[in-house]
Amino acid sequence: MSRPTPAPGDNRWRPVAAALADPRRLRLYARAVLAADDGAPLDPADLAADEAKSLAVLQQAGLLQVDGNRTKPAPSVFRDLLAAGVRPPESSARRFLVRGRIEAFPRKRADRLELLQLIAGEVFEHAVPPEPGLQPVLTEKDLTQRLAAYTSDPAAIRRYLIDEGIVARDPAGTQYWLTRPRPAEGMEFA
């Protein structure tokens, strides 16, 4: 069964994420969910003024429904977003890859570094260290072949990795290794 493809720029997830991004609204949403589970839904009349404003935002986003003196969660909002295939935009360095390959190198240095860290980590992920406890080492040929999976110009990416200090090489240029451990997905080095 195929999922519907969201229209370009489909931002139906935004109001939901924005509503839950505020800690006060998130707490109110959690209270409403737990109260409904306990069989004693929140009464909007019992809410303070700031909570009433938060309730209005949660209603607008489709997260809560108010029926008289009962507030209950509306789980259909999540089901509808999932059914539509709507996802928030990718925020990791993978956002720079198109079908797993680099089509354009990011202009901002921070973005380039993030992308280079991702690629270097994946390229060296299954490399075998020369001895237990040592960094994995790749030959120039192996490194170039692995980088070719990401770009049509692996030599340029190899140079970028070295110039940025992410990968080091021996003086002869025959062996390459990571200079730092790979950061977690979506994280950068400080």
N, C-alpha and C. Protein backbone atom coordinates (compact mmCIF):
# COMPACT_ATOMS: atom_id res chain seq x y z
N MET A 1 0.84 -1.17 0.00
CA MET A 1 0.00 0.00 0.00
C MET A 1 0.89 1.24 0.00
N SER A 2 0.67 2.12 -0.95
CA SER A 2 1.52 3.31 -1.02
C SER A 2 0.90 4.46 -0.26
N ARG A 3 1.78 5.29 0.30
CA ARG A 3 1.33 6.48 1.02
C ARG A 3 1.15 7.62 0.06
N PRO A 4 0.20 8.50 0.34
CA PRO A 4 0.07 9.69 -0.51
C PRO A 4 1.30 10.56 -0.38
N THR A 5 1.69 11.14 -1.48
CA THR A 5 2.85 12.02 -1.46
C THR A 5 2.38 13.42 -1.07
N PRO A 6 3.00 14.02 -0.04
CA PRO A 6 2.58 15.36 0.36
C PRO A 6 2.92 16.38 -0.73
N ALA A 7 2.09 17.38 -0.84
CA ALA A 7 2.36 18.44 -1.80
C ALA A 7 3.62 19.18 -1.37
N PRO A 8 4.40 19.70 -2.33
CA PRO A 8 5.58 20.47 -1.96
C PRO A 8 5.17 21.61 -1.03
N GLY A 9 5.94 21.81 0.01
CA GLY A 9 5.65 22.88 0.95
C GLY A 9 4.50 22.54 1.90
N ASP A 10 4.12 21.27 2.01
CA ASP A 10 3.04 20.87 2.91
C ASP A 10 3.50 21.06 4.34
N ASN A 11 2.91 22.00 5.01
CA ASN A 11 3.35 22.36 6.36
C ASN A 11 2.28 22.07 7.41
N ARG A 12 1.46 21.07 7.19
CA ARG A 12 0.41 20.76 8.16
C ARG A 12 0.97 20.35 9.51
N TRP A 13 2.18 19.94 9.59
CA TRP A 13 2.80 19.54 10.85
C TRP A 13 3.19 20.74 11.70
N ARG A 14 3.39 21.91 11.06
CA ARG A 14 3.88 23.09 11.77
C ARG A 14 3.03 23.53 12.97
N PRO A 15 1.69 23.69 12.82
CA PRO A 15 0.91 24.13 13.99
C PRO A 15 0.99 23.15 15.16
N VAL A 16 1.06 21.87 14.85
CA VAL A 16 1.16 20.86 15.90
C VAL A 16 2.50 21.00 16.63
N ALA A 17 3.58 21.08 15.86
CA ALA A 17 4.91 21.23 16.46
C ALA A 17 5.02 22.54 17.23
N ALA A 18 4.50 23.62 16.67
CA ALA A 18 4.58 24.92 17.33
C ALA A 18 3.79 24.92 18.63
N ALA A 19 2.62 24.29 18.62
CA ALA A 19 1.80 24.24 19.83
C ALA A 19 2.52 23.48 20.94
N LEU A 20 3.19 22.40 20.60
CA LEU A 20 3.86 21.58 21.61
C LEU A 20 5.26 22.08 21.95
N ALA A 21 5.77 23.04 21.20
CA ALA A 21 7.12 23.56 21.45
C ALA A 21 7.17 24.44 22.70
N ASP A 22 6.04 25.01 23.09
CA ASP A 22 5.99 25.85 24.27
C ASP A 22 5.82 24.97 25.51
N PRO A 23 6.69 25.10 26.52
CA PRO A 23 6.60 24.22 27.69
C PRO A 23 5.27 24.30 28.44
N ARG A 24 4.67 25.48 28.50
CA ARG A 24 3.37 25.60 29.20
C ARG A 24 2.28 24.85 28.46
N ARG A 25 2.27 24.97 27.13
CA ARG A 25 1.26 24.26 26.35
C ARG A 25 1.51 22.76 26.39
N LEU A 26 2.77 22.38 26.36
CA LEU A 26 3.10 20.95 26.43
C LEU A 26 2.62 20.36 27.75
N ARG A 27 2.84 21.08 28.86
CA ARG A 27 2.37 20.60 30.17
C ARG A 27 0.84 20.50 30.20
N LEU A 28 0.16 21.51 29.64
CA LEU A 28 -1.30 21.49 29.62
C LEU A 28 -1.79 20.32 28.76
N TYR A 29 -1.15 20.10 27.64
CA TYR A 29 -1.53 18.97 26.78
C TYR A 29 -1.34 17.65 27.54
N ALA A 30 -0.22 17.51 28.23
CA ALA A 30 0.04 16.29 29.01
C ALA A 30 -1.02 16.12 30.10
N ARG A 31 -1.34 17.21 30.78
CA ARG A 31 -2.39 17.14 31.82
C ARG A 31 -3.71 16.70 31.22
N ALA A 32 -4.07 17.25 30.06
CA ALA A 32 -5.33 16.89 29.42
C ALA A 32 -5.36 15.42 29.02
N VAL A 33 -4.26 14.94 28.49
CA VAL A 33 -4.19 13.52 28.10
C VAL A 33 -4.31 12.62 29.32
N LEU A 34 -3.54 12.93 30.36
CA LEU A 34 -3.58 12.10 31.57
C LEU A 34 -4.94 12.18 32.26
N ALA A 35 -5.54 13.37 32.30
CA ALA A 35 -6.86 13.51 32.93
C ALA A 35 -7.90 12.70 32.16
N ALA A 36 -7.83 12.74 30.84
CA ALA A 36 -8.78 11.96 30.03
C ALA A 36 -8.58 10.47 30.27
N ASP A 37 -7.32 10.04 30.39
CA ASP A 37 -7.04 8.62 30.66
C ASP A 37 -7.58 8.21 32.02
N ASP A 38 -7.58 9.13 32.99
CA ASP A 38 -8.09 8.84 34.34
C ASP A 38 -9.61 8.89 34.40
N GLY A 39 -10.25 9.32 33.32
CA GLY A 39 -11.71 9.39 33.31
C GLY A 39 -12.25 10.69 33.89
N ALA A 40 -11.39 11.66 34.14
CA ALA A 40 -11.82 12.94 34.69
C ALA A 40 -11.25 14.07 33.83
N PRO A 41 -11.82 14.28 32.63
CA PRO A 41 -11.27 15.29 31.71
C PRO A 41 -11.20 16.67 32.34
N LEU A 42 -10.21 17.45 31.89
CA LEU A 42 -10.05 18.83 32.37
C LEU A 42 -11.30 19.64 32.03
N ASP A 43 -11.69 20.50 32.97
CA ASP A 43 -12.80 21.42 32.75
C ASP A 43 -12.18 22.76 32.37
N PRO A 44 -12.48 23.30 31.18
CA PRO A 44 -11.90 24.57 30.76
C PRO A 44 -12.20 25.71 31.74
N ALA A 45 -13.30 25.63 32.45
CA ALA A 45 -13.66 26.68 33.41
C ALA A 45 -12.71 26.71 34.59
N ASP A 46 -12.01 25.60 34.86
CA ASP A 46 -11.09 25.53 35.99
C ASP A 46 -9.68 26.02 35.65
N LEU A 47 -9.46 26.42 34.41
CA LEU A 47 -8.12 26.82 33.98
C LEU A 47 -7.86 28.29 34.28
N ALA A 48 -6.62 28.61 34.62
CA ALA A 48 -6.19 30.00 34.80
C ALA A 48 -6.19 30.68 33.43
N ALA A 49 -6.08 32.01 33.43
CA ALA A 49 -6.15 32.78 32.18
C ALA A 49 -5.06 32.36 31.19
N ASP A 50 -3.82 32.19 31.67
CA ASP A 50 -2.74 31.79 30.75
C ASP A 50 -2.96 30.37 30.23
N GLU A 51 -3.53 29.50 31.06
CA GLU A 51 -3.83 28.13 30.62
C GLU A 51 -4.95 28.15 29.58
N ALA A 52 -5.92 29.05 29.73
CA ALA A 52 -7.00 29.16 28.76
C ALA A 52 -6.45 29.58 27.40
N LYS A 53 -5.45 30.47 27.39
CA LYS A 53 -4.81 30.87 26.13
C LYS A 53 -4.08 29.68 25.51
N SER A 54 -3.39 28.93 26.35
CA SER A 54 -2.69 27.74 25.86
C SER A 54 -3.68 26.73 25.31
N LEU A 55 -4.82 26.58 25.98
CA LEU A 55 -5.86 25.65 25.51
C LEU A 55 -6.34 26.06 24.13
N ALA A 56 -6.52 27.37 23.91
CA ALA A 56 -6.99 27.85 22.61
C ALA A 56 -5.99 27.49 21.50
N VAL A 57 -4.69 27.63 21.79
CA VAL A 57 -3.66 27.29 20.80
C VAL A 57 -3.68 25.78 20.52
N LEU A 58 -3.82 24.97 21.57
CA LEU A 58 -3.86 23.52 21.39
C LEU A 58 -5.10 23.09 20.61
N GLN A 59 -6.21 23.77 20.82
CA GLN A 59 -7.43 23.50 20.05
C GLN A 59 -7.21 23.87 18.58
N GLN A 60 -6.65 25.06 18.36
CA GLN A 60 -6.41 25.54 16.99
C GLN A 60 -5.52 24.55 16.22
N ALA A 61 -4.54 23.96 16.91
CA ALA A 61 -3.64 23.00 16.27
C ALA A 61 -4.31 21.64 16.08
N GLY A 62 -5.49 21.45 16.67
CA GLY A 62 -6.20 20.19 16.52
C GLY A 62 -5.78 19.14 17.53
N LEU A 63 -5.02 19.54 18.55
CA LEU A 63 -4.53 18.58 19.54
C LEU A 63 -5.55 18.28 20.63
N LEU A 64 -6.38 19.26 20.98
CA LEU A 64 -7.39 19.07 22.03
C LEU A 64 -8.75 19.50 21.50
N GLN A 65 -9.77 18.83 22.02
CA GLN A 65 -11.15 19.19 21.69
C GLN A 65 -11.85 19.55 22.99
N VAL A 66 -12.68 20.59 22.93
CA VAL A 66 -13.45 20.99 24.10
C VAL A 66 -14.92 20.77 23.78
N ASP A 67 -15.57 20.03 24.66
CA ASP A 67 -17.00 19.76 24.52
C ASP A 67 -17.65 20.14 25.84
N GLY A 68 -18.16 21.37 25.91
CA GLY A 68 -18.76 21.85 27.14
C GLY A 68 -17.73 22.00 28.24
N ASN A 69 -17.85 21.17 29.27
CA ASN A 69 -16.91 21.25 30.39
C ASN A 69 -15.88 20.12 30.35
N ARG A 70 -15.68 19.54 29.19
CA ARG A 70 -14.74 18.42 29.04
C ARG A 70 -13.69 18.75 27.97
N THR A 71 -12.45 18.55 28.33
CA THR A 71 -11.35 18.71 27.38
C THR A 71 -10.75 17.33 27.16
N LYS A 72 -10.64 16.96 25.88
CA LYS A 72 -10.07 15.63 25.60
C LYS A 72 -9.09 15.72 24.44
N PRO A 73 -8.12 14.83 24.43
CA PRO A 73 -7.14 14.83 23.34
C PRO A 73 -7.78 14.38 22.04
N ALA A 74 -7.23 14.85 20.95
CA ALA A 74 -7.70 14.47 19.61
C ALA A 74 -6.58 13.71 18.91
N PRO A 75 -6.46 12.40 19.15
CA PRO A 75 -5.34 11.65 18.56
C PRO A 75 -5.38 11.59 17.04
N SER A 76 -6.52 11.95 16.46
CA SER A 76 -6.61 11.89 15.00
C SER A 76 -5.64 12.84 14.32
N VAL A 77 -5.21 13.90 15.01
CA VAL A 77 -4.27 14.83 14.39
C VAL A 77 -2.98 14.12 14.01
N PHE A 78 -2.48 13.26 14.87
CA PHE A 78 -1.25 12.52 14.57
C PHE A 78 -1.49 11.47 13.49
N ARG A 79 -2.58 10.78 13.59
CA ARG A 79 -2.94 9.77 12.59
C ARG A 79 -3.06 10.42 11.21
N ASP A 80 -3.72 11.60 11.15
CA ASP A 80 -3.90 12.29 9.88
C ASP A 80 -2.57 12.74 9.28
N LEU A 81 -1.68 13.26 10.14
CA LEU A 81 -0.37 13.69 9.64
C LEU A 81 0.43 12.50 9.11
N LEU A 82 0.39 11.40 9.85
CA LEU A 82 1.12 10.20 9.40
C LEU A 82 0.52 9.64 8.12
N ALA A 83 -0.80 9.63 8.03
CA ALA A 83 -1.45 9.09 6.84
C ALA A 83 -1.15 9.93 5.61
N ALA A 84 -0.98 11.23 5.80
CA ALA A 84 -0.68 12.11 4.68
C ALA A 84 0.79 12.03 4.28
N GLY A 85 1.60 11.35 5.10
CA GLY A 85 3.03 11.26 4.79
C GLY A 85 3.76 12.56 5.06
N VAL A 86 3.15 13.44 5.82
CA VAL A 86 3.75 14.73 6.11
C VAL A 86 4.79 14.55 7.20
N ARG A 87 5.98 14.98 6.92
CA ARG A 87 7.07 14.88 7.89
C ARG A 87 7.75 16.23 8.01
N PRO A 88 8.24 16.53 9.19
CA PRO A 88 9.03 17.77 9.30
C PRO A 88 10.27 17.65 8.42
N PRO A 89 10.81 18.76 7.98
CA PRO A 89 12.00 18.69 7.14
C PRO A 89 13.17 18.07 7.90
N GLU A 90 14.01 17.40 7.15
CA GLU A 90 15.22 16.78 7.72
C GLU A 90 16.11 17.87 8.29
N SER A 91 16.60 17.64 9.49
CA SER A 91 17.45 18.66 10.10
C SER A 91 18.91 18.19 10.23
N SER A 92 19.17 16.93 9.97
CA SER A 92 20.55 16.45 10.06
C SER A 92 21.29 16.80 8.77
N ALA A 93 22.54 16.45 8.72
CA ALA A 93 23.34 16.73 7.52
C ALA A 93 22.82 15.98 6.30
N ARG A 94 21.98 15.00 6.50
CA ARG A 94 21.40 14.26 5.37
C ARG A 94 20.54 15.15 4.49
N ARG A 95 20.14 16.31 5.01
CA ARG A 95 19.32 17.22 4.22
C ARG A 95 20.09 17.73 2.99
N PHE A 96 21.42 17.60 2.98
CA PHE A 96 22.22 18.06 1.86
C PHE A 96 22.43 16.97 0.81
N LEU A 97 21.93 15.78 1.10
CA LEU A 97 22.08 14.67 0.16
C LEU A 97 20.78 14.50 -0.63
N VAL A 98 20.92 14.24 -1.91
CA VAL A 98 19.77 13.96 -2.77
C VAL A 98 19.94 12.51 -3.23
N ARG A 99 19.02 11.67 -2.79
CA ARG A 99 19.12 10.23 -3.05
C ARG A 99 20.48 9.68 -2.62
N GLY A 100 20.97 10.19 -1.47
CA GLY A 100 22.20 9.70 -0.88
C GLY A 100 23.48 10.29 -1.45
N ARG A 101 23.36 11.26 -2.36
CA ARG A 101 24.55 11.83 -2.99
C ARG A 101 24.56 13.35 -2.86
N ILE A 102 25.77 13.91 -2.92
CA ILE A 102 25.93 15.37 -2.88
C ILE A 102 25.72 15.89 -4.29
N GLU A 103 24.71 16.74 -4.45
CA GLU A 103 24.50 17.36 -5.76
C GLU A 103 25.03 18.78 -5.77
N ALA A 104 25.00 19.43 -4.60
CA ALA A 104 25.56 20.78 -4.47
C ALA A 104 26.16 20.87 -3.07
N PHE A 105 27.35 21.42 -3.01
CA PHE A 105 28.04 21.53 -1.73
C PHE A 105 27.48 22.74 -0.98
N PRO A 106 27.17 22.63 0.30
CA PRO A 106 26.61 23.76 1.05
C PRO A 106 27.55 24.97 1.04
N ARG A 107 26.97 26.16 0.99
CA ARG A 107 27.77 27.39 0.96
C ARG A 107 28.30 27.76 2.34
N LYS A 108 27.45 27.59 3.35
CA LYS A 108 27.88 27.96 4.70
C LYS A 108 28.89 26.94 5.22
N ARG A 109 29.95 27.45 5.83
CA ARG A 109 31.01 26.58 6.33
C ARG A 109 30.49 25.59 7.37
N ALA A 110 29.63 26.05 8.27
CA ALA A 110 29.10 25.16 9.30
C ALA A 110 28.32 24.00 8.66
N ASP A 111 27.58 24.28 7.61
CA ASP A 111 26.84 23.22 6.91
C ASP A 111 27.79 22.27 6.19
N ARG A 112 28.84 22.84 5.57
CA ARG A 112 29.84 21.98 4.89
C ARG A 112 30.51 21.05 5.89
N LEU A 113 30.89 21.60 7.04
CA LEU A 113 31.55 20.77 8.06
C LEU A 113 30.62 19.66 8.54
N GLU A 114 29.36 20.01 8.74
CA GLU A 114 28.38 19.01 9.18
C GLU A 114 28.26 17.89 8.15
N LEU A 115 28.20 18.26 6.88
CA LEU A 115 28.09 17.27 5.81
C LEU A 115 29.38 16.42 5.72
N LEU A 116 30.53 17.07 5.80
CA LEU A 116 31.79 16.34 5.74
C LEU A 116 31.94 15.37 6.91
N GLN A 117 31.51 15.79 8.11
CA GLN A 117 31.57 14.91 9.29
C GLN A 117 30.69 13.68 9.05
N LEU A 118 29.50 13.89 8.52
CA LEU A 118 28.59 12.77 8.25
C LEU A 118 29.23 11.78 7.27
N ILE A 119 29.72 12.30 6.18
CA ILE A 119 30.31 11.43 5.15
C ILE A 119 31.54 10.71 5.67
N ALA A 120 32.42 11.44 6.35
CA ALA A 120 33.63 10.81 6.89
C ALA A 120 33.27 9.70 7.87
N GLY A 121 32.31 9.96 8.72
CA GLY A 121 31.89 8.94 9.68
C GLY A 121 31.37 7.69 9.00
N GLU A 122 30.56 7.88 7.96
CA GLU A 122 30.01 6.73 7.25
C GLU A 122 31.08 5.99 6.45
N VAL A 123 31.99 6.74 5.85
CA VAL A 123 33.05 6.13 5.04
C VAL A 123 33.98 5.28 5.91
N PHE A 124 34.28 5.76 7.11
CA PHE A 124 35.20 5.03 7.98
C PHE A 124 34.48 4.06 8.93
N GLU A 125 33.16 4.03 8.87
CA GLU A 125 32.38 3.25 9.84
C GLU A 125 32.78 1.77 9.87
N HIS A 126 33.00 1.18 8.72
CA HIS A 126 33.31 -0.26 8.69
C HIS A 126 34.77 -0.54 8.33
N ALA A 127 35.58 0.50 8.41
CA ALA A 127 37.01 0.30 8.14
C ALA A 127 37.62 -0.48 9.31
N VAL A 128 38.57 -1.31 8.99
CA VAL A 128 39.21 -2.15 10.01
C VAL A 128 40.49 -1.49 10.50
N PRO A 129 40.65 -1.37 11.83
CA PRO A 129 41.88 -0.78 12.35
C PRO A 129 43.07 -1.71 12.09
N PRO A 130 44.28 -1.14 11.90
CA PRO A 130 45.45 -1.98 11.65
C PRO A 130 45.78 -2.88 12.83
N GLU A 131 45.47 -2.40 14.04
CA GLU A 131 45.67 -3.18 15.27
C GLU A 131 44.53 -2.84 16.21
N PRO A 132 44.18 -3.77 17.10
CA PRO A 132 43.12 -3.45 18.06
C PRO A 132 43.47 -2.20 18.87
N GLY A 133 42.49 -1.34 19.05
CA GLY A 133 42.68 -0.12 19.82
C GLY A 133 43.15 1.07 19.00
N LEU A 134 43.50 0.85 17.72
CA LEU A 134 43.94 1.95 16.86
C LEU A 134 42.80 2.42 15.97
N GLN A 135 42.95 3.62 15.43
CA GLN A 135 41.97 4.18 14.51
C GLN A 135 41.94 3.34 13.22
N PRO A 136 40.76 3.16 12.64
CA PRO A 136 40.70 2.50 11.32
C PRO A 136 41.45 3.32 10.28
N VAL A 137 42.10 2.64 9.37
CA VAL A 137 42.90 3.29 8.33
C VAL A 137 42.42 2.78 6.97
N LEU A 138 42.34 3.71 6.02
CA LEU A 138 41.98 3.36 4.65
C LEU A 138 43.11 3.78 3.71
N THR A 139 43.28 3.02 2.65
CA THR A 139 44.22 3.42 1.61
C THR A 139 43.56 4.53 0.79
N GLU A 140 44.37 5.23 0.01
CA GLU A 140 43.81 6.30 -0.83
C GLU A 140 42.78 5.72 -1.80
N LYS A 141 43.07 4.56 -2.35
CA LYS A 141 42.15 3.93 -3.29
C LYS A 141 40.83 3.58 -2.61
N ASP A 142 40.90 2.96 -1.42
CA ASP A 142 39.68 2.59 -0.69
C ASP A 142 38.86 3.82 -0.31
N LEU A 143 39.54 4.86 0.17
CA LEU A 143 38.85 6.08 0.56
C LEU A 143 38.15 6.70 -0.65
N THR A 144 38.85 6.78 -1.76
CA THR A 144 38.28 7.36 -2.98
C THR A 144 37.08 6.55 -3.46
N GLN A 145 37.18 5.23 -3.42
CA GLN A 145 36.05 4.38 -3.83
C GLN A 145 34.84 4.59 -2.93
N ARG A 146 35.06 4.69 -1.63
CA ARG A 146 33.95 4.88 -0.70
C ARG A 146 33.32 6.27 -0.87
N LEU A 147 34.15 7.28 -1.11
CA LEU A 147 33.62 8.63 -1.31
C LEU A 147 32.84 8.74 -2.62
N ALA A 148 33.19 7.90 -3.60
CA ALA A 148 32.49 7.91 -4.89
C ALA A 148 31.02 7.55 -4.74
N ALA A 149 30.66 6.90 -3.66
CA ALA A 149 29.24 6.58 -3.42
C ALA A 149 28.45 7.86 -3.11
N TYR A 150 29.14 8.94 -2.73
CA TYR A 150 28.47 10.18 -2.34
C TYR A 150 28.60 11.31 -3.35
N THR A 151 29.57 11.18 -4.27
CA THR A 151 29.85 12.31 -5.16
C THR A 151 30.49 11.84 -6.45
N SER A 152 30.36 12.67 -7.47
CA SER A 152 31.03 12.36 -8.73
C SER A 152 32.48 12.86 -8.73
N ASP A 153 32.86 13.61 -7.69
CA ASP A 153 34.24 14.11 -7.56
C ASP A 153 34.81 13.71 -6.19
N PRO A 154 35.11 12.42 -6.00
CA PRO A 154 35.60 11.97 -4.69
C PRO A 154 36.94 12.59 -4.30
N ALA A 155 37.77 12.93 -5.26
CA ALA A 155 39.07 13.53 -4.93
C ALA A 155 38.87 14.90 -4.27
N ALA A 156 37.89 15.65 -4.74
CA ALA A 156 37.63 16.97 -4.13
C ALA A 156 37.15 16.80 -2.69
N ILE A 157 36.27 15.86 -2.46
CA ILE A 157 35.76 15.64 -1.10
C ILE A 157 36.90 15.16 -0.20
N ARG A 158 37.77 14.31 -0.73
CA ARG A 158 38.92 13.84 0.04
C ARG A 158 39.80 15.02 0.45
N ARG A 159 40.02 15.95 -0.49
CA ARG A 159 40.81 17.16 -0.17
C ARG A 159 40.11 18.00 0.90
N TYR A 160 38.81 18.19 0.76
CA TYR A 160 38.05 18.96 1.76
C TYR A 160 38.18 18.33 3.14
N LEU A 161 38.09 17.00 3.20
CA LEU A 161 38.20 16.31 4.49
C LEU A 161 39.55 16.56 5.14
N ILE A 162 40.58 16.57 4.33
CA ILE A 162 41.94 16.80 4.85
C ILE A 162 42.13 18.27 5.21
N ASP A 163 41.70 19.16 4.33
CA ASP A 163 41.86 20.60 4.59
C ASP A 163 41.13 21.02 5.86
N GLU A 164 40.00 20.42 6.15
CA GLU A 164 39.22 20.78 7.34
C GLU A 164 39.70 20.03 8.59
N GLY A 165 40.68 19.14 8.43
CA GLY A 165 41.22 18.43 9.58
C GLY A 165 40.34 17.30 10.09
N ILE A 166 39.39 16.88 9.30
CA ILE A 166 38.49 15.80 9.70
C ILE A 166 39.18 14.46 9.47
N VAL A 167 39.96 14.39 8.41
CA VAL A 167 40.73 13.19 8.06
C VAL A 167 42.19 13.60 7.97
N ALA A 168 43.08 12.73 8.42
CA ALA A 168 44.52 12.96 8.32
C ALA A 168 45.11 11.89 7.40
N ARG A 169 46.29 12.17 6.89
CA ARG A 169 46.97 11.18 6.04
C ARG A 169 48.44 11.13 6.39
N ASP A 170 49.05 10.03 6.04
CA ASP A 170 50.48 9.91 6.30
C ASP A 170 51.24 10.76 5.27
N PRO A 171 52.52 11.03 5.51
CA PRO A 171 53.28 11.90 4.60
C PRO A 171 53.31 11.40 3.15
N ALA A 172 53.23 10.11 2.96
CA ALA A 172 53.25 9.57 1.60
C ALA A 172 51.88 9.69 0.92
N GLY A 173 50.84 9.98 1.69
CA GLY A 173 49.50 10.10 1.13
C GLY A 173 48.88 8.76 0.77
N THR A 174 49.34 7.70 1.44
CA THR A 174 48.81 6.37 1.11
C THR A 174 47.82 5.85 2.13
N GLN A 175 47.82 6.42 3.34
CA GLN A 175 46.92 5.96 4.40
C GLN A 175 46.17 7.15 4.99
N TYR A 176 44.87 6.94 5.25
CA TYR A 176 44.00 7.99 5.76
C TYR A 176 43.25 7.48 6.98
N TRP A 177 42.98 8.38 7.95
CA TRP A 177 42.23 8.02 9.15
C TRP A 177 41.47 9.23 9.67
N LEU A 178 40.42 8.97 10.44
CA LEU A 178 39.66 10.04 11.08
C LEU A 178 40.50 10.66 12.19
N THR A 179 40.43 11.98 12.33
CA THR A 179 41.19 12.64 13.38
C THR A 179 40.40 12.73 14.68
N ARG A 180 39.07 12.65 14.59
CA ARG A 180 38.20 12.74 15.76
C ARG A 180 37.11 11.68 15.65
N PRO A 181 36.50 11.34 16.78
CA PRO A 181 35.40 10.39 16.69
C PRO A 181 34.22 11.02 15.96
N ARG A 182 33.41 10.19 15.38
CA ARG A 182 32.23 10.65 14.65
C ARG A 182 31.19 11.19 15.62
N PRO A 183 30.63 12.40 15.34
CA PRO A 183 29.58 12.92 16.23
C PRO A 183 28.27 12.15 16.01
N ALA A 184 27.39 12.23 16.98
CA ALA A 184 26.09 11.59 16.84
C ALA A 184 25.31 12.27 15.72
N GLU A 185 24.39 11.53 15.13
CA GLU A 185 23.57 12.03 14.03
C GLU A 185 22.90 13.35 14.44
N GLY A 186 23.02 14.35 13.60
CA GLY A 186 22.40 15.64 13.87
C GLY A 186 23.19 16.53 14.82
N MET A 187 24.35 16.07 15.27
CA MET A 187 25.15 16.86 16.21
C MET A 187 26.40 17.37 15.49
N GLU A 188 26.95 18.43 16.01
CA GLU A 188 28.19 18.98 15.47
C GLU A 188 29.25 18.95 16.56
N PHE A 189 30.50 19.07 16.15
CA PHE A 189 31.56 19.24 17.11
C PHE A 189 31.50 20.66 17.63
N ALA A 190 31.81 20.84 18.90
CA ALA A 190 31.78 22.21 19.48
C ALA A 190 33.01 22.96 19.05
